[in-house]
């Protein structure tokens, strides 16, 4: 009986939405073309609900789920996945996870993932069961596997694959697959990784304002506001 009611309710909702679009089209109103995302950036996993600081920004298409703690002034960009379903994930302050980053693991044999403060994680990188200390830059599409530890002030090059248990010391640059120490970081590189989080924090503020403007525009046209 519950299954039947569920399906009937779904059909009625979809029918109502279809009639709304048809009516708007006949009236020459284009508001039905304004799409409002149904995605929920922050969701619980079982009884575990993420703790996200009010000063941090999560893109609408990103998803943070389960046992996750996010500190102040962080930005989690479009299409990121931060999964605390099975293992705890902790992210410090002023850290940015760029587009398409994946953090956490669903594997029972994995462990918690910890990312420090002032960390920049490049587009498409994968971090699972590892520890990244403060003021670190992880390059685009890099992979950090279980047990990896990256010390403060280090850099992992784009596309590098750090095998389980690898340890990157402070001030080192690692690259390759499997990744190995390439050299010591130059002063200008250290300055760059220190400045990057501030740039992304500013950029996140701009994106947040743009999205708020779009939501208010939708509200004005249709009377619907996507919270």
N, C-alpha and C. Protein backbone atom coordinates (compact mmCIF):
# COMPACT_ATOMS: atom_id res chain seq x y z
N UNK A 1 0.83 -1.20 0.00
CA UNK A 1 0.00 0.00 0.00
C UNK A 1 0.87 1.26 0.00
N UNK A 2 1.92 1.25 0.82
CA UNK A 2 2.81 2.40 0.88
C UNK A 2 3.52 2.63 -0.45
N UNK A 3 3.90 1.52 -1.10
CA UNK A 3 4.57 1.63 -2.41
C UNK A 3 3.63 2.26 -3.42
N UNK A 4 2.36 1.84 -3.41
CA UNK A 4 1.36 2.38 -4.34
C UNK A 4 1.15 3.88 -4.10
N UNK A 5 1.04 4.27 -2.83
CA UNK A 5 0.85 5.69 -2.51
C UNK A 5 2.06 6.50 -2.93
N UNK A 6 3.25 5.93 -2.73
CA UNK A 6 4.46 6.63 -3.12
C UNK A 6 4.49 6.89 -4.62
N UNK A 7 4.18 5.86 -5.40
CA UNK A 7 4.20 6.00 -6.86
C UNK A 7 3.12 6.95 -7.34
N UNK A 8 1.94 6.88 -6.73
CA UNK A 8 0.85 7.77 -7.11
C UNK A 8 1.20 9.22 -6.79
N UNK A 9 1.80 9.43 -5.61
CA UNK A 9 2.21 10.78 -5.24
C UNK A 9 3.24 11.35 -6.19
N UNK A 10 4.18 10.51 -6.60
CA UNK A 10 5.20 10.95 -7.56
C UNK A 10 4.56 11.33 -8.89
N UNK A 11 3.62 10.49 -9.35
CA UNK A 11 2.95 10.76 -10.63
C UNK A 11 2.17 12.07 -10.58
N UNK A 12 1.48 12.32 -9.46
CA UNK A 12 0.71 13.56 -9.32
C UNK A 12 1.63 14.78 -9.33
N UNK A 13 2.75 14.68 -8.64
CA UNK A 13 3.70 15.80 -8.61
C UNK A 13 4.24 16.09 -10.01
N UNK A 14 4.65 15.04 -10.72
CA UNK A 14 5.19 15.23 -12.07
C UNK A 14 4.13 15.78 -13.01
N UNK A 15 2.88 15.33 -12.86
CA UNK A 15 1.80 15.83 -13.70
C UNK A 15 1.55 17.31 -13.43
N UNK A 16 1.59 17.69 -12.15
CA UNK A 16 1.41 19.09 -11.80
C UNK A 16 2.49 19.98 -12.39
N UNK A 17 3.72 19.50 -12.36
CA UNK A 17 4.82 20.28 -12.93
C UNK A 17 4.66 20.41 -14.44
N UNK A 18 4.20 19.33 -15.09
CA UNK A 18 4.00 19.38 -16.54
C UNK A 18 2.90 20.38 -16.90
N UNK A 19 1.80 20.39 -16.13
CA UNK A 19 0.72 21.34 -16.36
C UNK A 19 1.18 22.77 -16.13
N UNK A 20 2.03 22.98 -15.13
CA UNK A 20 2.58 24.31 -14.87
C UNK A 20 3.38 24.81 -16.06
N UNK A 21 4.23 23.95 -16.61
CA UNK A 21 5.03 24.34 -17.77
C UNK A 21 4.15 24.64 -18.98
N UNK A 22 3.13 23.81 -19.20
CA UNK A 22 2.24 24.02 -20.33
C UNK A 22 1.47 25.33 -20.20
N UNK A 23 0.94 25.59 -19.00
CA UNK A 23 0.20 26.83 -18.77
C UNK A 23 1.06 28.06 -18.98
N UNK A 24 2.29 28.02 -18.49
CA UNK A 24 3.21 29.15 -18.68
C UNK A 24 3.51 29.37 -20.16
N UNK A 25 3.70 28.27 -20.89
CA UNK A 25 4.01 28.38 -22.32
C UNK A 25 2.85 29.01 -23.07
N UNK A 26 1.62 28.63 -22.74
CA UNK A 26 0.45 29.20 -23.41
C UNK A 26 0.29 30.68 -23.09
N UNK A 27 0.68 31.08 -21.89
CA UNK A 27 0.57 32.49 -21.49
C UNK A 27 1.75 33.33 -21.97
N UNK A 28 2.73 32.68 -22.57
CA UNK A 28 3.91 33.42 -23.01
C UNK A 28 4.86 33.76 -21.89
N UNK A 29 4.77 33.03 -20.78
CA UNK A 29 5.65 33.25 -19.64
C UNK A 29 6.80 32.25 -19.72
N UNK A 30 8.01 32.75 -19.65
CA UNK A 30 9.17 31.87 -19.80
C UNK A 30 9.77 31.41 -18.48
N UNK A 31 9.09 31.69 -17.38
CA UNK A 31 9.67 31.35 -16.07
C UNK A 31 9.84 29.85 -15.89
N UNK A 32 9.04 29.05 -16.62
CA UNK A 32 9.17 27.59 -16.48
C UNK A 32 10.50 27.09 -17.02
N UNK A 33 11.17 27.92 -17.80
CA UNK A 33 12.48 27.53 -18.34
C UNK A 33 13.60 27.78 -17.36
N UNK A 34 13.32 28.51 -16.27
CA UNK A 34 14.32 28.78 -15.25
C UNK A 34 14.47 27.53 -14.38
N UNK A 35 15.62 26.89 -14.46
CA UNK A 35 15.83 25.65 -13.73
C UNK A 35 16.33 25.91 -12.32
N UNK A 36 15.74 25.23 -11.37
CA UNK A 36 16.18 25.31 -9.97
C UNK A 36 16.73 23.93 -9.60
N UNK A 37 17.96 23.90 -9.15
CA UNK A 37 18.59 22.61 -8.86
C UNK A 37 17.89 21.89 -7.72
N UNK A 38 17.76 20.57 -7.87
CA UNK A 38 17.21 19.75 -6.80
C UNK A 38 18.32 19.13 -5.96
N UNK A 39 19.55 19.42 -6.30
CA UNK A 39 20.66 18.85 -5.56
C UNK A 39 20.73 19.44 -4.15
N UNK A 40 21.16 18.62 -3.21
CA UNK A 40 21.35 19.05 -1.83
C UNK A 40 22.84 18.95 -1.51
N UNK A 41 23.54 20.07 -1.39
CA UNK A 41 24.99 20.02 -1.16
C UNK A 41 25.40 19.33 0.14
N UNK A 42 24.58 19.45 1.17
CA UNK A 42 24.92 18.86 2.48
C UNK A 42 23.84 17.85 2.85
N UNK A 43 24.23 16.58 2.97
CA UNK A 43 23.26 15.53 3.28
C UNK A 43 23.81 14.62 4.37
N UNK A 44 22.91 14.03 5.12
CA UNK A 44 23.34 13.08 6.14
C UNK A 44 23.53 11.70 5.53
N UNK A 45 24.32 10.88 6.19
CA UNK A 45 24.50 9.48 5.81
C UNK A 45 24.19 8.67 7.06
N UNK A 46 23.02 8.04 7.07
CA UNK A 46 22.58 7.38 8.29
C UNK A 46 22.27 8.43 9.35
N UNK A 47 22.94 8.30 10.50
CA UNK A 47 22.74 9.27 11.57
C UNK A 47 23.85 10.32 11.59
N UNK A 48 24.69 10.33 10.59
CA UNK A 48 25.83 11.24 10.55
C UNK A 48 25.51 12.44 9.67
N UNK A 49 25.58 13.63 10.24
CA UNK A 49 25.30 14.86 9.52
C UNK A 49 26.54 15.74 9.49
N UNK A 50 26.95 16.24 8.33
CA UNK A 50 28.14 17.08 8.25
C UNK A 50 28.03 18.34 9.11
N UNK A 51 29.17 18.77 9.63
CA UNK A 51 29.27 20.02 10.37
C UNK A 51 30.07 21.00 9.51
N UNK A 52 29.40 22.00 8.99
CA UNK A 52 30.03 22.96 8.08
C UNK A 52 29.94 24.35 8.69
N UNK A 53 31.07 25.02 8.82
CA UNK A 53 31.09 26.38 9.38
C UNK A 53 30.26 27.31 8.50
N UNK A 54 29.59 28.25 9.14
CA UNK A 54 28.69 29.16 8.42
C UNK A 54 29.44 30.07 7.45
N UNK A 55 30.74 30.25 7.67
CA UNK A 55 31.53 31.11 6.79
C UNK A 55 32.09 30.37 5.58
N UNK A 56 31.85 29.08 5.49
CA UNK A 56 32.34 28.29 4.36
C UNK A 56 31.28 28.21 3.27
N UNK A 57 31.73 28.02 2.04
CA UNK A 57 30.82 27.98 0.89
C UNK A 57 30.94 26.64 0.17
N UNK A 58 29.78 26.04 -0.11
CA UNK A 58 29.73 24.79 -0.85
C UNK A 58 28.93 25.04 -2.13
N UNK A 59 29.52 24.73 -3.27
CA UNK A 59 28.85 24.94 -4.55
C UNK A 59 27.59 24.08 -4.64
N UNK A 60 26.57 24.55 -5.37
CA UNK A 60 25.30 23.81 -5.44
C UNK A 60 25.44 22.39 -5.96
N UNK A 61 26.39 22.14 -6.86
CA UNK A 61 26.53 20.81 -7.45
C UNK A 61 27.52 19.92 -6.69
N UNK A 62 28.12 20.45 -5.63
CA UNK A 62 29.00 19.63 -4.78
C UNK A 62 28.15 18.86 -3.79
N UNK A 63 28.75 17.84 -3.16
CA UNK A 63 28.02 17.10 -2.13
C UNK A 63 28.95 16.74 -0.99
N UNK A 64 28.52 17.12 0.20
CA UNK A 64 29.23 16.79 1.44
C UNK A 64 28.30 15.91 2.25
N UNK A 65 28.72 14.70 2.57
CA UNK A 65 27.81 13.76 3.22
C UNK A 65 28.47 13.04 4.38
N UNK A 66 27.66 12.75 5.40
CA UNK A 66 28.11 11.91 6.50
C UNK A 66 28.96 12.61 7.53
N UNK A 67 29.91 11.87 8.07
CA UNK A 67 30.74 12.33 9.19
C UNK A 67 31.87 13.23 8.68
N UNK A 68 31.50 14.48 8.38
CA UNK A 68 32.44 15.45 7.81
C UNK A 68 32.41 16.73 8.64
N UNK A 69 33.59 17.28 8.89
CA UNK A 69 33.69 18.56 9.60
C UNK A 69 34.49 19.52 8.73
N UNK A 70 33.89 20.68 8.45
CA UNK A 70 34.52 21.69 7.59
C UNK A 70 34.70 22.97 8.40
N UNK A 71 35.93 23.49 8.44
CA UNK A 71 36.24 24.67 9.22
C UNK A 71 35.82 25.97 8.55
N UNK A 72 36.30 27.08 9.08
CA UNK A 72 35.90 28.41 8.62
C UNK A 72 36.53 28.76 7.27
N UNK A 73 35.78 29.56 6.50
CA UNK A 73 36.28 30.19 5.27
C UNK A 73 36.83 29.18 4.25
N UNK A 74 36.21 28.01 4.20
CA UNK A 74 36.59 27.03 3.18
C UNK A 74 35.69 27.19 1.95
N UNK A 75 36.14 26.68 0.83
CA UNK A 75 35.30 26.63 -0.37
C UNK A 75 35.40 25.25 -0.99
N UNK A 76 34.24 24.67 -1.23
CA UNK A 76 34.15 23.34 -1.85
C UNK A 76 33.43 23.54 -3.18
N UNK A 77 34.16 23.37 -4.26
CA UNK A 77 33.71 23.84 -5.56
C UNK A 77 32.85 22.82 -6.29
N UNK A 78 32.45 23.21 -7.49
CA UNK A 78 31.47 22.46 -8.28
C UNK A 78 31.91 21.00 -8.51
N UNK A 79 30.92 20.12 -8.32
CA UNK A 79 31.08 18.67 -8.59
C UNK A 79 32.09 17.98 -7.67
N UNK A 80 32.39 18.59 -6.55
CA UNK A 80 33.21 17.91 -5.54
C UNK A 80 32.36 16.88 -4.79
N UNK A 81 33.02 15.86 -4.28
CA UNK A 81 32.36 14.87 -3.42
C UNK A 81 33.22 14.66 -2.18
N UNK A 82 32.67 15.00 -1.03
CA UNK A 82 33.36 14.80 0.25
C UNK A 82 32.53 13.78 1.02
N UNK A 83 33.02 12.55 1.10
CA UNK A 83 32.22 11.44 1.60
C UNK A 83 32.71 10.98 2.97
N UNK A 84 31.87 11.22 3.97
CA UNK A 84 32.14 10.72 5.31
C UNK A 84 31.19 9.62 5.70
N UNK A 85 30.76 8.83 4.72
CA UNK A 85 29.78 7.77 4.96
C UNK A 85 30.31 6.71 5.91
N UNK A 86 31.56 6.27 5.67
CA UNK A 86 32.15 5.20 6.48
C UNK A 86 33.28 5.67 7.38
N UNK A 87 33.97 6.74 6.99
CA UNK A 87 35.13 7.21 7.74
C UNK A 87 35.08 8.73 7.88
N UNK A 88 35.57 9.21 9.01
CA UNK A 88 35.54 10.64 9.31
C UNK A 88 36.42 11.43 8.34
N UNK A 89 35.92 12.58 7.93
CA UNK A 89 36.68 13.51 7.10
C UNK A 89 36.71 14.86 7.82
N UNK A 90 37.92 15.40 7.99
CA UNK A 90 38.06 16.70 8.66
C UNK A 90 38.84 17.65 7.77
N UNK A 91 38.30 18.85 7.60
CA UNK A 91 38.93 19.88 6.78
C UNK A 91 39.11 21.12 7.64
N UNK A 92 40.32 21.68 7.65
CA UNK A 92 40.62 22.83 8.50
C UNK A 92 40.02 24.13 8.01
N UNK A 93 40.71 25.24 8.26
CA UNK A 93 40.21 26.56 7.88
C UNK A 93 40.91 27.05 6.61
N UNK A 94 40.21 27.91 5.86
CA UNK A 94 40.79 28.57 4.68
C UNK A 94 41.32 27.58 3.65
N UNK A 95 40.65 26.47 3.52
CA UNK A 95 41.06 25.43 2.57
C UNK A 95 40.10 25.41 1.39
N UNK A 96 40.61 25.15 0.20
CA UNK A 96 39.76 25.08 -0.98
C UNK A 96 39.91 23.74 -1.68
N UNK A 97 38.77 23.13 -1.98
CA UNK A 97 38.71 21.91 -2.79
C UNK A 97 38.14 22.31 -4.14
N UNK A 98 38.97 22.28 -5.15
CA UNK A 98 38.57 22.80 -6.46
C UNK A 98 37.70 21.80 -7.22
N UNK A 99 37.20 22.20 -8.37
CA UNK A 99 36.19 21.44 -9.11
C UNK A 99 36.56 19.97 -9.28
N UNK A 100 35.59 19.10 -8.97
CA UNK A 100 35.74 17.68 -9.23
C UNK A 100 36.61 16.91 -8.26
N UNK A 101 36.98 17.51 -7.14
CA UNK A 101 37.80 16.82 -6.14
C UNK A 101 36.97 15.76 -5.42
N UNK A 102 37.59 14.63 -5.12
CA UNK A 102 36.94 13.56 -4.36
C UNK A 102 37.74 13.31 -3.08
N UNK A 103 37.05 13.38 -1.94
CA UNK A 103 37.69 13.19 -0.64
C UNK A 103 36.93 12.13 0.14
N UNK A 104 37.67 11.19 0.74
CA UNK A 104 37.05 10.14 1.54
C UNK A 104 36.96 8.83 0.79
N UNK A 105 36.67 7.78 1.53
CA UNK A 105 36.62 6.44 0.93
C UNK A 105 35.46 5.65 1.53
N UNK A 106 34.84 4.83 0.68
CA UNK A 106 33.78 3.95 1.15
C UNK A 106 34.30 2.57 1.52
N UNK A 107 35.59 2.34 1.30
CA UNK A 107 36.17 1.03 1.58
C UNK A 107 36.28 0.79 3.09
N UNK A 108 35.82 -0.37 3.57
CA UNK A 108 35.93 -0.67 5.01
C UNK A 108 37.38 -0.70 5.50
N UNK A 109 38.30 -1.01 4.61
CA UNK A 109 39.71 -1.12 5.00
C UNK A 109 40.42 0.22 5.03
N UNK A 110 39.75 1.28 4.59
CA UNK A 110 40.36 2.61 4.58
C UNK A 110 40.29 3.22 5.97
N UNK A 111 40.66 4.48 6.09
CA UNK A 111 40.63 5.17 7.39
C UNK A 111 40.19 6.61 7.18
N UNK A 112 40.22 7.40 8.23
CA UNK A 112 39.77 8.79 8.15
C UNK A 112 40.71 9.62 7.28
N UNK A 113 40.18 10.71 6.77
CA UNK A 113 40.95 11.63 5.93
C UNK A 113 41.00 12.98 6.63
N UNK A 114 42.20 13.55 6.75
CA UNK A 114 42.35 14.84 7.42
C UNK A 114 43.10 15.80 6.51
N UNK A 115 42.48 16.95 6.29
CA UNK A 115 43.08 18.01 5.47
C UNK A 115 43.21 19.24 6.36
N UNK A 116 44.40 19.81 6.41
CA UNK A 116 44.67 20.91 7.32
C UNK A 116 44.13 22.25 6.84
N UNK A 117 44.69 23.32 7.38
CA UNK A 117 44.27 24.69 7.05
C UNK A 117 45.18 25.28 5.97
N UNK A 118 44.59 26.17 5.16
CA UNK A 118 45.37 26.81 4.11
C UNK A 118 45.81 25.86 3.03
N UNK A 119 45.03 24.81 2.78
CA UNK A 119 45.37 23.80 1.78
C UNK A 119 44.59 24.08 0.49
N UNK A 120 45.25 23.92 -0.64
CA UNK A 120 44.60 24.02 -1.95
C UNK A 120 44.69 22.65 -2.63
N UNK A 121 43.52 22.10 -2.97
CA UNK A 121 43.47 20.80 -3.63
C UNK A 121 42.97 21.02 -5.05
N UNK A 122 43.83 20.74 -6.03
CA UNK A 122 43.54 21.04 -7.43
C UNK A 122 42.43 20.20 -8.03
N UNK A 123 41.93 20.67 -9.15
CA UNK A 123 40.81 20.05 -9.85
C UNK A 123 41.04 18.56 -10.09
N UNK A 124 40.01 17.77 -9.75
CA UNK A 124 40.03 16.35 -10.07
C UNK A 124 40.90 15.48 -9.19
N UNK A 125 41.50 16.05 -8.15
CA UNK A 125 42.36 15.25 -7.27
C UNK A 125 41.51 14.29 -6.43
N UNK A 126 42.14 13.19 -6.01
CA UNK A 126 41.47 12.17 -5.19
C UNK A 126 42.27 11.96 -3.92
N UNK A 127 41.61 12.12 -2.76
CA UNK A 127 42.27 11.94 -1.46
C UNK A 127 41.45 10.94 -0.65
N UNK A 128 42.08 9.85 -0.23
CA UNK A 128 41.36 8.86 0.56
C UNK A 128 42.25 8.31 1.67
N UNK A 129 41.76 8.38 2.89
CA UNK A 129 42.48 7.80 4.02
C UNK A 129 43.86 8.39 4.24
N UNK A 130 44.05 9.66 3.93
CA UNK A 130 45.37 10.28 4.02
C UNK A 130 45.33 11.48 4.96
N UNK A 131 46.52 12.02 5.25
CA UNK A 131 46.64 13.21 6.09
C UNK A 131 47.43 14.27 5.34
N UNK A 132 46.83 15.44 5.20
CA UNK A 132 47.49 16.58 4.55
C UNK A 132 47.57 17.70 5.57
N UNK A 133 48.77 18.11 5.92
CA UNK A 133 48.94 19.15 6.93
C UNK A 133 48.71 20.54 6.34
N UNK A 134 49.01 21.59 7.11
CA UNK A 134 48.69 22.96 6.71
C UNK A 134 49.56 23.46 5.56
N UNK A 135 48.99 24.43 4.80
CA UNK A 135 49.73 25.16 3.76
C UNK A 135 50.37 24.22 2.74
N UNK A 136 49.54 23.38 2.17
CA UNK A 136 49.99 22.40 1.18
C UNK A 136 49.24 22.65 -0.12
N UNK A 137 49.89 22.38 -1.24
CA UNK A 137 49.23 22.43 -2.55
C UNK A 137 49.24 21.04 -3.17
N UNK A 138 48.05 20.52 -3.44
CA UNK A 138 47.89 19.24 -4.13
C UNK A 138 47.50 19.56 -5.57
N UNK A 139 48.29 19.12 -6.54
CA UNK A 139 48.05 19.46 -7.93
C UNK A 139 46.84 18.76 -8.53
N UNK A 140 46.44 19.24 -9.70
CA UNK A 140 45.28 18.69 -10.39
C UNK A 140 45.46 17.20 -10.71
N UNK A 141 44.38 16.45 -10.48
CA UNK A 141 44.33 15.01 -10.80
C UNK A 141 45.34 14.17 -10.04
N UNK A 142 45.92 14.72 -8.99
CA UNK A 142 46.80 13.91 -8.14
C UNK A 142 45.97 12.90 -7.35
N UNK A 143 46.60 11.80 -6.96
CA UNK A 143 45.92 10.75 -6.18
C UNK A 143 46.73 10.48 -4.93
N UNK A 144 46.09 10.64 -3.76
CA UNK A 144 46.72 10.34 -2.47
C UNK A 144 45.98 9.16 -1.86
N UNK A 145 46.67 8.04 -1.74
CA UNK A 145 46.04 6.81 -1.28
C UNK A 145 46.16 6.65 0.24
N UNK A 146 45.63 5.54 0.74
CA UNK A 146 45.56 5.31 2.18
C UNK A 146 46.93 5.39 2.84
N UNK A 147 46.96 6.07 3.99
CA UNK A 147 48.19 6.15 4.77
C UNK A 147 49.19 7.18 4.30
N UNK A 148 48.89 7.89 3.23
CA UNK A 148 49.80 8.94 2.75
C UNK A 148 49.79 10.11 3.74
N UNK A 149 50.96 10.71 3.93
CA UNK A 149 51.07 11.87 4.82
C UNK A 149 51.89 12.95 4.10
N UNK A 150 51.29 14.13 3.97
CA UNK A 150 51.97 15.26 3.33
C UNK A 150 52.18 16.33 4.40
N UNK A 151 53.44 16.64 4.69
CA UNK A 151 53.77 17.58 5.76
C UNK A 151 53.51 19.02 5.34
N UNK A 152 53.46 19.89 6.32
CA UNK A 152 53.18 21.31 6.09
C UNK A 152 54.19 21.93 5.13
N UNK A 153 53.68 22.78 4.23
CA UNK A 153 54.56 23.50 3.32
C UNK A 153 55.12 22.66 2.20
N UNK A 154 54.44 21.58 1.83
CA UNK A 154 54.90 20.71 0.74
C UNK A 154 53.98 20.88 -0.47
N UNK A 155 54.40 20.30 -1.59
CA UNK A 155 53.62 20.39 -2.83
C UNK A 155 53.65 19.05 -3.55
N UNK A 156 52.47 18.64 -4.03
CA UNK A 156 52.34 17.43 -4.84
C UNK A 156 51.98 17.86 -6.25
N UNK A 157 52.75 17.44 -7.23
CA UNK A 157 52.57 17.90 -8.61
C UNK A 157 51.29 17.34 -9.22
N UNK A 158 50.82 18.00 -10.26
CA UNK A 158 49.64 17.54 -10.99
C UNK A 158 49.87 16.14 -11.54
N UNK A 159 48.85 15.28 -11.38
CA UNK A 159 48.91 13.92 -11.90
C UNK A 159 49.75 12.95 -11.10
N UNK A 160 50.35 13.40 -10.02
CA UNK A 160 51.17 12.50 -9.20
C UNK A 160 50.29 11.46 -8.50
N UNK A 161 50.81 10.26 -8.35
CA UNK A 161 50.11 9.19 -7.65
C UNK A 161 50.97 8.75 -6.47
N UNK A 162 50.52 9.08 -5.26
CA UNK A 162 51.25 8.70 -4.05
C UNK A 162 50.73 7.36 -3.56
N UNK A 163 51.61 6.38 -3.52
CA UNK A 163 51.24 5.04 -3.12
C UNK A 163 50.96 4.98 -1.62
N UNK A 164 50.23 3.96 -1.16
CA UNK A 164 49.91 3.84 0.26
C UNK A 164 51.14 3.94 1.15
N UNK A 165 51.03 4.78 2.18
CA UNK A 165 52.11 4.93 3.15
C UNK A 165 53.19 5.93 2.78
N UNK A 166 53.11 6.56 1.62
CA UNK A 166 54.13 7.53 1.21
C UNK A 166 54.13 8.72 2.16
N UNK A 167 55.31 9.29 2.41
CA UNK A 167 55.45 10.43 3.32
C UNK A 167 56.21 11.55 2.62
N UNK A 168 55.55 12.68 2.45
CA UNK A 168 56.16 13.85 1.82
C UNK A 168 56.58 14.81 2.92
N UNK A 169 57.86 15.13 2.99
CA UNK A 169 58.38 16.00 4.04
C UNK A 169 58.12 17.47 3.71
N UNK A 170 58.21 18.31 4.73
CA UNK A 170 57.99 19.74 4.57
C UNK A 170 58.98 20.33 3.57
N UNK A 171 58.46 21.18 2.67
CA UNK A 171 59.31 21.86 1.70
C UNK A 171 59.67 21.05 0.48
N UNK A 172 59.09 19.85 0.33
CA UNK A 172 59.43 18.99 -0.80
C UNK A 172 58.38 19.07 -1.90
N UNK A 173 58.82 18.82 -3.14
CA UNK A 173 57.93 18.67 -4.29
C UNK A 173 58.01 17.23 -4.77
N UNK A 174 56.86 16.56 -4.81
CA UNK A 174 56.80 15.18 -5.30
C UNK A 174 56.04 15.15 -6.62
N UNK A 175 56.49 14.26 -7.52
CA UNK A 175 55.84 14.13 -8.83
C UNK A 175 56.01 12.71 -9.35
N UNK A 176 55.20 12.35 -10.35
CA UNK A 176 55.35 11.07 -11.02
C UNK A 176 54.35 10.02 -10.58
N UNK A 177 54.40 8.87 -11.25
CA UNK A 177 53.54 7.72 -10.94
C UNK A 177 54.37 6.44 -11.06
N UNK A 178 54.75 5.86 -9.91
CA UNK A 178 54.49 6.31 -8.54
C UNK A 178 55.31 7.56 -8.21
N UNK A 179 54.75 8.40 -7.35
CA UNK A 179 55.38 9.68 -7.04
C UNK A 179 56.65 9.49 -6.21
N UNK A 180 57.63 10.32 -6.52
CA UNK A 180 58.89 10.36 -5.77
C UNK A 180 59.29 11.82 -5.57
N UNK A 181 60.20 12.05 -4.63
CA UNK A 181 60.68 13.41 -4.41
C UNK A 181 61.40 13.90 -5.66
N UNK A 182 60.99 15.07 -6.14
CA UNK A 182 61.62 15.67 -7.31
C UNK A 182 62.72 16.64 -6.90
N UNK A 183 62.41 17.50 -5.93
CA UNK A 183 63.39 18.49 -5.46
C UNK A 183 62.79 19.24 -4.28
N UNK A 184 63.58 20.17 -3.73
CA UNK A 184 63.09 21.09 -2.71
C UNK A 184 62.33 22.24 -3.39
N UNK A 185 61.34 22.77 -2.71
CA UNK A 185 60.58 23.89 -3.26
C UNK A 185 61.40 25.18 -3.25
N UNK A 186 61.19 25.99 -4.27
CA UNK A 186 61.81 27.31 -4.32
C UNK A 186 60.98 28.29 -3.50
N UNK A 187 61.59 29.40 -3.14
CA UNK A 187 60.91 30.38 -2.29
C UNK A 187 59.65 30.93 -2.98
N UNK A 188 59.73 31.17 -4.29
CA UNK A 188 58.55 31.70 -4.99
C UNK A 188 57.41 30.68 -5.01
N UNK A 189 57.75 29.40 -5.00
CA UNK A 189 56.71 28.37 -4.94
C UNK A 189 56.08 28.31 -3.56
N UNK A 190 56.88 28.49 -2.54
CA UNK A 190 56.34 28.54 -1.18
C UNK A 190 55.42 29.75 -1.01
N UNK A 191 55.83 30.88 -1.58
CA UNK A 191 55.00 32.08 -1.52
C UNK A 191 53.67 31.87 -2.25
N UNK A 192 53.74 31.16 -3.38
CA UNK A 192 52.54 30.92 -4.18
C UNK A 192 51.53 30.06 -3.43
N UNK A 193 51.99 28.97 -2.83
CA UNK A 193 51.04 28.10 -2.13
C UNK A 193 50.46 28.76 -0.88
N UNK A 194 51.19 29.75 -0.35
CA UNK A 194 50.67 30.51 0.80
C UNK A 194 49.57 31.48 0.36
N UNK A 195 49.70 32.03 -0.85
CA UNK A 195 48.76 33.05 -1.32
C UNK A 195 47.50 32.47 -1.96
N UNK A 196 47.57 31.23 -2.43
CA UNK A 196 46.47 30.64 -3.19
C UNK A 196 45.16 30.53 -2.41
N UNK A 197 45.15 30.10 -1.14
CA UNK A 197 43.88 30.00 -0.42
C UNK A 197 43.12 31.32 -0.35
N UNK A 198 43.83 32.43 -0.17
CA UNK A 198 43.17 33.73 -0.12
C UNK A 198 42.49 34.08 -1.42
N UNK A 199 43.11 33.73 -2.52
CA UNK A 199 42.53 33.99 -3.83
C UNK A 199 41.23 33.21 -4.02
N UNK A 200 41.25 31.95 -3.60
CA UNK A 200 40.05 31.14 -3.75
C UNK A 200 38.95 31.56 -2.78
N UNK A 201 39.32 32.06 -1.64
CA UNK A 201 38.32 32.57 -0.70
C UNK A 201 37.61 33.78 -1.31
N UNK A 202 38.37 34.66 -1.95
CA UNK A 202 37.78 35.83 -2.61
C UNK A 202 36.89 35.41 -3.77
N UNK A 203 37.36 34.45 -4.56
CA UNK A 203 36.59 33.96 -5.70
C UNK A 203 35.29 33.28 -5.25
N UNK A 204 35.36 32.55 -4.15
CA UNK A 204 34.16 31.90 -3.62
C UNK A 204 33.11 32.92 -3.23
N UNK A 205 33.55 34.04 -2.64
CA UNK A 205 32.62 35.11 -2.29
C UNK A 205 31.91 35.67 -3.50
N UNK A 206 32.64 35.80 -4.60
CA UNK A 206 32.05 36.30 -5.84
C UNK A 206 31.01 35.33 -6.38
N UNK A 207 31.33 34.05 -6.38
CA UNK A 207 30.38 33.05 -6.87
C UNK A 207 29.14 32.99 -5.99
N UNK A 208 29.33 33.12 -4.70
CA UNK A 208 28.20 33.09 -3.78
C UNK A 208 27.24 34.24 -4.06
N UNK A 209 27.78 35.43 -4.32
CA UNK A 209 26.95 36.59 -4.62
C UNK A 209 26.19 36.40 -5.93
N UNK A 210 26.87 35.84 -6.93
CA UNK A 210 26.22 35.61 -8.22
C UNK A 210 25.06 34.63 -8.07
N UNK A 211 25.27 33.55 -7.33
CA UNK A 211 24.22 32.56 -7.15
C UNK A 211 23.05 33.12 -6.35
N UNK A 212 23.35 33.96 -5.36
CA UNK A 212 22.28 34.61 -4.60
C UNK A 212 21.45 35.51 -5.50
N UNK A 213 22.13 36.23 -6.40
CA UNK A 213 21.43 37.11 -7.34
C UNK A 213 20.51 36.30 -8.25
N UNK A 214 21.00 35.16 -8.74
CA UNK A 214 20.19 34.32 -9.61
C UNK A 214 18.97 33.77 -8.87
N UNK A 215 19.16 33.37 -7.62
CA UNK A 215 18.04 32.86 -6.84
C UNK A 215 16.99 33.93 -6.59
N UNK A 216 17.44 35.16 -6.32
CA UNK A 216 16.49 36.25 -6.11
C UNK A 216 15.74 36.58 -7.40
N UNK A 217 16.43 36.43 -8.52
CA UNK A 217 15.79 36.66 -9.82
C UNK A 217 14.70 35.62 -10.06
N UNK A 218 15.00 34.37 -9.74
CA UNK A 218 14.00 33.31 -9.89
C UNK A 218 12.81 33.56 -8.97
N UNK A 219 13.11 34.02 -7.75
CA UNK A 219 12.04 34.30 -6.78
C UNK A 219 11.13 35.40 -7.30
N UNK A 220 11.72 36.40 -7.91
CA UNK A 220 10.95 37.53 -8.42
C UNK A 220 10.03 37.10 -9.56
N UNK A 221 10.53 36.19 -10.41
CA UNK A 221 9.76 35.76 -11.58
C UNK A 221 8.69 34.75 -11.21
N UNK A 222 9.03 33.80 -10.40
CA UNK A 222 8.13 32.67 -10.15
C UNK A 222 7.58 32.61 -8.74
N UNK A 223 8.18 33.36 -7.81
CA UNK A 223 7.75 33.26 -6.43
C UNK A 223 8.30 32.05 -5.73
N UNK A 224 9.25 31.36 -6.38
CA UNK A 224 9.86 30.16 -5.81
C UNK A 224 11.30 30.47 -5.47
N UNK A 225 11.72 30.14 -4.28
CA UNK A 225 13.12 30.36 -3.86
C UNK A 225 13.73 29.04 -3.46
N UNK A 226 14.86 28.73 -4.08
CA UNK A 226 15.53 27.45 -3.79
C UNK A 226 16.47 27.63 -2.61
N UNK A 227 16.11 27.13 -1.45
CA UNK A 227 16.95 27.22 -0.26
C UNK A 227 18.02 26.16 -0.30
